[in-house]
C-alpha atoms as a PDB file:
ATOM      1  CA  MET A   1      34.427 102.161  92.084  1.00  0.00           C
ATOM      2  CA  ARG A   2      36.046 100.440  89.090  1.00  0.00           C
ATOM      3  CA  GLY A   3      39.569 101.355  90.216  1.00  0.00           C
ATOM      4  CA  TRP A   4      38.862  99.807  93.618  1.00  0.00           C
ATOM      5  CA  TYR A   5      38.064  96.442  91.992  1.00  0.00           C
ATOM      6  CA  ARG A   6      41.346  96.501  90.094  1.00  0.00           C
ATOM      7  CA  TRP A   7      43.276  97.052  93.298  1.00  0.00           C
ATOM      8  CA  LEU A   8      41.372  94.248  94.984  1.00  0.00           C
ATOM      9  CA  LEU A   9      42.025  91.916  92.052  1.00  0.00           C
ATOM     10  CA  GLY A  10      45.733  92.788  92.139  1.00  0.00           C
ATOM     11  CA  ILE A  11      45.949  92.108  95.866  1.00  0.00           C
ATOM     12  CA  VAL A  12      44.182  88.772  95.440  1.00  0.00           C
ATOM     13  CA  ILE A  13      46.530  87.748  92.609  1.00  0.00           C
ATOM     14  CA  VAL A  14      49.632  88.701  94.601  1.00  0.00           C
ATOM     15  CA  ALA A  15      48.323  86.854  97.658  1.00  0.00           C
ATOM     16  CA  GLY A  16      47.638  83.784  95.522  1.00  0.00           C
ATOM     17  CA  LEU A  17      51.136  83.856  94.076  1.00  0.00           C
ATOM     18  CA  LEU A  18      52.680  84.217  97.524  1.00  0.00           C
ATOM     19  CA  ALA A  19      50.610  81.316  98.813  1.00  0.00           C
ATOM     20  CA  ALA A  20      51.675  79.143  95.860  1.00  0.00           C
ATOM     21  CA  VAL A  21      55.368  79.931  96.400  1.00  0.00           C
ATOM     22  CA  MET A  22      55.133  79.264 100.122  1.00  0.00           C
ATOM     23  CA  HIS A  23      53.252  76.027  99.472  1.00  0.00           C
ATOM     24  CA  LEU A  24      56.011  74.872  97.099  1.00  0.00           C
ATOM     25  CA  GLY A  25      58.458  75.204  99.974  1.00  0.00           C
ATOM     26  CA  GLU A  26      56.233  72.998 102.109  1.00  0.00           C
ATOM     27  CA  TRP A  27      56.313  70.311  99.417  1.00  0.00           C
ATOM     28  CA  ARG A  28      60.104  70.381  99.478  1.00  0.00           C
ATOM     29  CA  ASN A  29      60.085  69.981 103.250  1.00  0.00           C
ATOM     30  CA  PHE A  30      57.592  67.125 102.932  1.00  0.00           C
ATOM     31  CA  ALA A  31      59.825  65.389 100.378  1.00  0.00           C
ATOM     32  CA  ALA A  32      62.804  65.735 102.715  1.00  0.00           C
ATOM     33  CA  LEU A  33      60.794  64.272 105.579  1.00  0.00           C
ATOM     34  CA  THR A  34      59.676  61.283 103.531  1.00  0.00           C
ATOM     35  CA  ARG A  35      63.299  60.481 102.706  1.00  0.00           C
ATOM     36  CA  ARG A  36      64.104  60.278 106.431  1.00  0.00           C
ATOM     37  CA  MET A  37      60.834  58.535 107.338  1.00  0.00           C
ATOM     38  CA  GLN A  38      60.803  55.522 109.634  1.00  0.00           C
ATOM     39  CA  PRO A  39      58.001  53.156 108.550  1.00  0.00           C
ATOM     40  CA  ALA A  40      57.353  51.834 112.065  1.00  0.00           C
ATOM     41  CA  TRP A  41      56.398  55.302 113.302  1.00  0.00           C
ATOM     42  CA  LEU A  42      54.153  55.840 110.288  1.00  0.00           C
ATOM     43  CA  VAL A  43      52.319  52.571 110.940  1.00  0.00           C
ATOM     44  CA  ALA A  44      51.960  53.480 114.617  1.00  0.00           C
ATOM     45  CA  ALA A  45      50.529  56.888 113.727  1.00  0.00           C
ATOM     46  CA  ILE A  46      48.037  55.364 111.272  1.00  0.00           C
ATOM     47  CA  LEU A  47      46.912  52.792 113.844  1.00  0.00           C
ATOM     48  CA  LEU A  48      46.473  55.448 116.513  1.00  0.00           C
ATOM     49  CA  GLN A  49      44.484  57.654 114.143  1.00  0.00           C
ATOM     50  CA  ALA A  50      42.279  54.717 113.140  1.00  0.00           C
ATOM     51  CA  SER A  51      41.677  53.833 116.794  1.00  0.00           C
ATOM     52  CA  THR A  52      40.608  57.419 117.440  1.00  0.00           C
ATOM     53  CA  TYR A  53      37.955  57.236 114.711  1.00  0.00           C
ATOM     54  CA  LEU A  54      36.863  53.772 115.862  1.00  0.00           C
ATOM     55  CA  SER A  55      36.408  54.874 119.479  1.00  0.00           C
ATOM     56  CA  LEU A  56      34.521  57.970 118.376  1.00  0.00           C
ATOM     57  CA  ALA A  57      32.224  55.882 116.179  1.00  0.00           C
ATOM     58  CA  LEU A  58      31.575  53.411 118.994  1.00  0.00           C
ATOM     59  CA  SER A  59      30.826  56.278 121.390  1.00  0.00           C
ATOM     60  CA  TRP A  60      28.261  57.750 118.998  1.00  0.00           C
ATOM     61  CA  ARG A  61      26.777  54.307 118.435  1.00  0.00           C
ATOM     62  CA  ALA A  62      26.240  53.962 122.197  1.00  0.00           C
ATOM     63  CA  VAL A  63      24.655  57.407 122.380  1.00  0.00           C
ATOM     64  CA  LEU A  64      22.351  56.981 119.405  1.00  0.00           C
END
């Protein structure tokens, strides 16, 4: 049984390293996107997201 745990630990470590490397690539893509960002679209997205939460809260208020 002890050898099985070592294999499992090795697989988990390799998976963690792969996830970290892949996540680093996402950060680079995110940085590239922020350089090309248009603030008007960001404000519009934030307002739409906030209106979604507001309408959901008002709906639950009416129900409860």
